[in-house]
Protein backbone atom coordinates (compact mmCIF):
# COMPACT_ATOMS: atom_id res chain seq x y z
CA MET A 1 29.71 26.28 -24.55
CA PRO A 2 29.51 23.85 -27.52
CA PHE A 3 30.04 24.79 -30.64
CA PHE A 4 26.64 23.57 -31.22
CA VAL A 5 23.10 21.82 -28.66
CA LEU A 6 20.85 19.63 -29.73
CA PRO A 7 17.32 21.40 -31.17
CA PHE A 8 14.74 19.87 -27.69
CA PRO A 9 11.64 18.79 -29.76
CA ILE A 10 8.77 20.74 -28.43
CA VAL A 11 5.82 18.16 -27.59
CA ASP A 12 2.79 19.48 -26.36
CA PRO A 13 2.19 18.26 -23.27
CA VAL A 14 -1.30 17.32 -24.34
CA ALA A 15 -1.72 14.24 -26.46
CA VAL A 16 -6.01 14.40 -26.84
CA GLN A 17 -8.48 16.66 -26.45
CA LEU A 18 -11.07 15.07 -25.90
CA GLY A 19 -14.33 18.39 -25.75
CA PRO A 20 -12.70 20.04 -21.88
CA LEU A 21 -10.81 17.18 -20.60
CA PRO A 22 -7.15 16.89 -21.88
CA ILE A 23 -5.49 13.40 -22.16
CA ARG A 24 -1.28 14.55 -21.57
CA TRP A 25 1.67 11.85 -22.36
CA TYR A 26 2.07 11.97 -18.56
CA ALA A 27 -1.39 9.78 -18.00
CA LEU A 28 -0.06 8.09 -21.62
CA ALA A 29 2.81 6.68 -20.37
CA TYR A 30 1.23 5.29 -17.11
CA VAL A 31 -1.49 3.83 -18.95
CA GLY A 32 0.92 2.47 -21.48
CA GLY A 33 3.74 1.17 -18.96
CA PHE A 34 0.96 0.01 -16.43
CA VAL A 35 -0.32 -2.40 -19.95
CA CYS A 36 2.72 -3.55 -21.38
CA ALA A 37 3.65 -4.07 -17.26
CA TRP A 38 0.42 -7.03 -17.38
CA MET A 39 0.97 -8.47 -20.63
CA GLY A 40 4.72 -9.01 -19.62
CA MET A 41 3.64 -10.85 -16.23
CA ARG A 42 1.12 -12.46 -18.38
CA LEU A 43 3.07 -14.30 -20.71
CA LEU A 44 6.20 -14.83 -17.59
CA VAL A 45 3.11 -17.07 -15.64
CA SER A 46 2.18 -18.90 -18.48
CA ASP A 47 5.64 -20.24 -19.65
CA ASP A 48 5.87 -23.82 -17.56
CA ALA A 49 9.82 -24.27 -18.51
CA LEU A 50 10.64 -20.72 -16.60
CA TRP A 51 8.93 -22.65 -13.42
CA ALA A 52 10.26 -25.32 -10.70
CA PRO A 53 8.02 -28.15 -11.13
CA GLY A 54 5.84 -27.96 -8.79
CA GLN A 55 6.79 -24.10 -7.76
CA PRO A 56 3.23 -22.14 -6.59
CA ARG A 57 2.42 -19.17 -8.85
CA PRO A 58 -0.48 -17.17 -9.46
CA SER A 59 -2.41 -17.63 -12.79
CA GLN A 60 -3.62 -16.09 -15.53
CA ALA A 61 -6.18 -15.03 -14.33
CA GLY A 62 -4.61 -14.02 -10.52
CA ILE A 63 -1.84 -11.57 -12.58
CA ASP A 64 -5.25 -9.20 -13.42
CA ASP A 65 -6.09 -8.26 -10.15
CA LEU A 66 -2.13 -8.25 -8.94
CA ILE A 67 -1.70 -5.31 -11.56
CA VAL A 68 -4.39 -3.33 -10.06
CA ASN A 69 -3.33 -4.05 -6.85
CA THR A 70 0.36 -2.49 -7.91
CA ALA A 71 -1.08 0.49 -9.75
CA LEU A 72 -2.89 1.39 -7.14
CA GLY A 73 0.33 1.45 -5.33
CA VAL A 74 2.48 2.94 -7.31
CA ILE A 75 0.10 6.08 -7.84
CA ILE A 76 -1.00 6.69 -4.52
CA GLY A 77 2.19 5.77 -2.65
CA GLY A 78 3.96 8.08 -5.12
CA ARG A 79 2.49 11.02 -5.14
CA LEU A 80 2.81 10.89 -0.88
CA GLY A 81 5.40 9.90 -1.31
CA HIS A 82 6.67 12.75 -3.03
CA VAL A 83 4.78 15.26 -1.16
CA LEU A 84 6.39 13.32 2.36
CA PHE A 85 10.18 13.28 1.19
CA TYR A 86 10.60 16.18 -1.22
CA ASP A 87 7.97 19.16 0.37
CA PRO A 88 6.04 18.33 3.23
CA ALA A 89 5.32 22.00 4.29
CA PHE A 90 4.48 23.37 0.97
CA TYR A 91 1.54 20.49 0.81
CA LEU A 92 1.10 21.53 4.76
CA SER A 93 -0.05 24.27 3.86
CA HIS A 94 -1.22 23.99 1.08
CA PRO A 95 -3.67 20.47 0.99
CA LEU A 96 -5.56 20.39 -2.15
CA GLU A 97 -2.46 20.67 -4.08
CA ILE A 98 -2.43 17.26 -2.95
CA PHE A 99 -4.69 15.59 -5.23
CA GLN A 100 -3.15 17.96 -8.53
CA THR A 101 -1.36 14.73 -9.45
CA TRP A 102 -1.17 16.58 -13.25
CA LYS A 103 1.17 19.61 -12.52
CA GLY A 104 4.05 16.43 -11.36
CA GLY A 105 5.49 15.22 -8.44
CA MET A 106 5.57 11.04 -8.12
CA ALA A 107 7.98 9.99 -6.29
CA PHE A 108 9.51 6.40 -7.44
CA HIS A 109 10.56 5.70 -3.52
CA GLY A 110 6.97 6.31 -3.07
CA GLY A 111 5.36 4.00 -5.37
CA LEU A 112 7.87 0.95 -4.61
CA ILE A 113 6.13 1.09 -1.12
CA GLY A 114 2.83 2.17 -2.32
CA ALA A 115 4.09 -0.87 -5.02
CA VAL A 116 4.88 -3.35 -2.33
CA ILE A 117 2.02 -2.84 -0.21
CA GLY A 118 0.05 -3.53 -2.94
CA MET A 119 1.61 -7.05 -3.55
CA ALA A 120 1.89 -8.05 -0.30
CA LEU A 121 -2.22 -7.63 -0.29
CA PHE A 122 -2.09 -9.83 -2.96
CA ALA A 123 0.21 -12.05 -2.31
CA ARG A 124 -1.94 -13.02 0.97
CA SER A 125 -5.45 -13.18 -0.29
CA HIS A 126 -4.53 -15.35 -3.86
CA GLY A 127 -2.01 -18.03 -1.05
CA ALA A 128 0.89 -16.92 -3.51
CA PRO A 129 4.24 -16.36 -2.22
CA PHE A 130 5.37 -13.50 -1.39
CA LEU A 131 8.94 -12.83 -3.34
CA THR A 132 7.77 -14.62 -6.31
CA VAL A 133 5.05 -11.68 -6.74
CA ALA A 134 7.76 -9.78 -5.77
CA ASP A 135 10.42 -11.49 -9.10
CA ILE A 136 6.74 -11.36 -11.10
CA CYS A 137 6.32 -7.46 -11.04
CA ALA A 138 9.81 -7.14 -10.18
CA ALA A 139 11.19 -8.66 -14.09
CA VAL A 140 8.65 -5.91 -16.16
CA SER A 141 9.39 -2.92 -13.85
CA PRO A 142 11.33 -1.26 -15.41
CA ILE A 143 8.97 -0.92 -18.48
CA GLY A 144 7.75 1.52 -16.32
CA LEU A 145 10.26 3.63 -15.43
CA PHE A 146 11.03 3.95 -19.51
CA PHE A 147 8.13 5.14 -20.15
CA GLY A 148 7.49 7.30 -16.86
CA ARG A 149 11.40 8.82 -17.73
CA LEU A 150 9.97 10.03 -21.72
CA ALA A 151 7.18 11.51 -20.32
CA ASN A 152 9.57 13.41 -17.71
CA PHE A 153 11.47 14.21 -21.37
CA ILE A 154 8.57 15.56 -22.95
CA LYS A 155 7.16 17.32 -20.15
CA PRO A 156 9.80 18.72 -19.50
CA GLU A 157 10.46 18.30 -16.22
CA MET A 158 13.72 17.01 -14.24
CA TRP A 159 16.38 18.27 -16.87
CA GLY A 160 20.39 17.52 -16.30
CA ARG A 161 23.16 20.08 -15.21
CA GLU A 162 24.80 21.96 -17.47
CA THR A 163 27.32 20.77 -19.97
CA ASP A 164 29.18 20.91 -23.20
CA VAL A 165 29.07 17.75 -24.48
CA PRO A 166 28.05 17.53 -27.48
CA TRP A 167 24.59 16.07 -27.54
CA ALA A 168 23.64 18.62 -24.89
CA MET A 169 20.03 20.49 -25.14
CA VAL A 170 18.64 23.39 -24.38
CA PHE A 171 15.48 23.44 -21.95
CA PRO A 172 13.35 26.89 -22.40
CA PRO A 173 11.60 26.02 -18.81
CA ALA A 174 15.14 26.50 -17.44
CA GLY A 175 17.03 28.72 -19.45
CA ASP A 176 19.82 28.84 -22.45
CA ALA A 177 22.36 27.46 -20.86
CA PRO A 178 23.08 23.29 -22.70
CA ARG A 179 22.40 20.62 -20.25
CA HIS A 180 22.40 16.96 -20.06
CA PRO A 181 19.55 15.49 -20.92
CA SER A 182 19.54 12.71 -18.15
CA GLN A 183 15.91 12.16 -17.86
CA LEU A 184 17.21 10.19 -21.19
CA TYR A 185 20.33 9.50 -19.35
CA GLU A 186 17.33 7.28 -17.16
CA ALA A 187 15.18 6.01 -20.04
CA GLY A 188 17.96 3.80 -20.90
CA LEU A 189 19.67 3.04 -17.63
CA GLU A 190 16.55 1.57 -15.40
CA GLY A 191 14.43 1.16 -18.27
CA LEU A 192 16.13 -0.74 -21.18
CA ALA A 193 19.19 -1.91 -19.37
CA LEU A 194 17.61 -3.29 -16.12
CA PHE A 195 14.41 -5.01 -18.42
CA ALA A 196 16.97 -6.16 -20.48
CA LEU A 197 18.99 -8.43 -17.20
CA LEU A 198 16.62 -8.81 -15.49
CA TRP A 199 14.73 -10.47 -18.39
CA LEU A 200 17.67 -12.45 -19.37
CA VAL A 201 17.91 -13.51 -15.71
CA ALA A 202 14.37 -14.58 -15.78
CA ARG A 203 14.58 -16.46 -18.73
CA ALA A 204 17.43 -17.99 -17.64
CA GLY A 205 15.75 -19.56 -14.80
CA GLY A 206 16.87 -16.85 -12.67
CA LEU A 207 12.49 -16.92 -11.45
CA LYS A 208 13.05 -19.89 -9.77
CA GLN A 209 15.13 -19.16 -7.15
CA PRO A 210 11.81 -16.85 -5.32
CA GLY A 211 14.09 -13.58 -5.53
CA LEU A 212 16.77 -13.21 -6.86
CA VAL A 213 14.81 -10.76 -9.98
CA THR A 214 13.72 -8.83 -6.52
CA GLY A 215 16.58 -8.71 -5.75
CA LEU A 216 18.67 -7.39 -8.59
CA PHE A 217 16.08 -5.22 -9.45
CA GLY A 218 17.11 -3.16 -6.24
CA ILE A 219 20.62 -3.39 -6.92
CA GLY A 220 20.23 -2.42 -10.17
CA TYR A 221 17.76 0.05 -10.04
CA GLY A 222 19.74 1.58 -6.79
CA PHE A 223 23.15 1.94 -8.44
CA ALA A 224 21.57 3.53 -12.02
CA ARG A 225 19.46 5.97 -10.14
CA ILE A 226 22.62 6.97 -8.88
CA PHE A 227 24.67 7.27 -11.20
CA CYS A 228 22.34 9.10 -13.26
CA GLU A 229 21.71 11.54 -10.03
CA PHE A 230 25.14 13.72 -10.92
CA PHE A 231 23.72 14.40 -14.36
CA ARG A 232 20.32 14.66 -13.20
CA GLU A 233 20.20 18.98 -12.05
CA PRO A 234 18.42 18.80 -8.10
CA ASP A 235 16.21 21.28 -7.03
CA PRO A 236 17.09 22.70 -4.45
CA VAL A 237 15.04 23.34 -1.69
CA GLN A 238 13.60 19.54 -2.36
CA GLU A 239 16.26 17.66 -3.89
CA ALA A 240 20.07 18.84 -2.98
CA LEU A 241 21.65 18.39 -0.30
CA PRO A 242 24.71 19.02 1.44
CA HIS A 243 28.74 17.52 -0.04
CA GLY A 244 27.15 17.40 -3.14
CA LEU A 245 24.50 14.76 -2.10
CA THR A 246 20.95 14.14 -3.64
CA MET A 247 17.15 13.34 -2.14
CA GLY A 248 17.58 10.77 -4.79
CA MET A 249 21.05 9.10 -4.16
CA VAL A 250 19.92 9.41 0.02
CA LEU A 251 17.07 7.29 -0.73
CA SER A 252 18.41 4.56 -3.46
CA LEU A 253 21.45 3.74 -1.02
CA PRO A 254 19.06 1.59 1.52
CA LEU A 255 17.39 0.11 -2.18
CA ILE A 256 21.14 -1.17 -2.54
CA VAL A 257 21.13 -2.48 0.18
CA ALA A 258 18.32 -4.62 0.66
CA GLY A 259 18.74 -5.55 -2.84
CA ALA A 260 22.09 -7.34 -2.48
CA ALA A 261 20.30 -8.92 0.94
CA ILE A 262 16.84 -10.06 -0.69
CA VAL A 263 19.73 -12.04 -3.02
CA LEU A 264 21.55 -13.69 -0.55
CA PHE A 265 19.34 -14.73 1.21
CA SER A 266 17.74 -16.22 -2.55
CA LEU A 267 21.28 -17.79 -3.46
CA ARG A 268 21.20 -19.39 0.05
CA ARG A 269 17.76 -20.64 -0.10
CA ARG A 270 18.85 -22.39 -3.21
CA SER A 271 22.03 -24.39 -1.66
CA ALA A 272 20.72 -25.49 1.89
CA PRO A 273 19.31 -29.27 2.07
CA ALA A 274 16.01 -29.78 1.15
């Protein structure tokens, strides 16, 4: 037991009450993430210095359609991913609970699949290269992850394992034991650190090699998520697996493999003769 623990900053989960309609921090996190991502994508496609001469890419106007496609994919895929990956038996018995997203339950890996489908539909309808579209989205995705993890912290949910580190916190719904603020670890690694890496790569010419930023996102997120899972308390029913593994670890491994394959494809494609 540590000599002291940091007090958990209890925040009302409802940010604003508009009559009978509560506006929750969780919803604002999604809105803020999408707005910042939209601004970031428009900034990337408008800077000619980031692209090879004549390299096809979406227009600034096209980004408006792209953010709608990916937002719908993230929300629908994230919810269905939680239902199918983590607790299908419960939702099969309580199907109306599937639509009650305000109670929580969004899976990143499901949201990623939904976003990929949205990007593919956009690329097909606008005649844009899919890997280029994916690179633009990957470069700004950590912004949304950052806001989402902060929302997990405010709620609070997805807290960490018991610990005696000096920065441990007591999360009221989890009992009196001090725990890792693992949501903040994920916000820092999956959000800020990954965004800084991908943005630097993009600004250094990475967008001229279609697939490079996308592959680095897969590798970076996968390793960051697996690392943070060692500090996060898994749900004993939905997330805990044998041998100390968690569902988050298992779902992140294919992401690392796919990311590495896309990076290799991107680099080999660049070095091949025209």
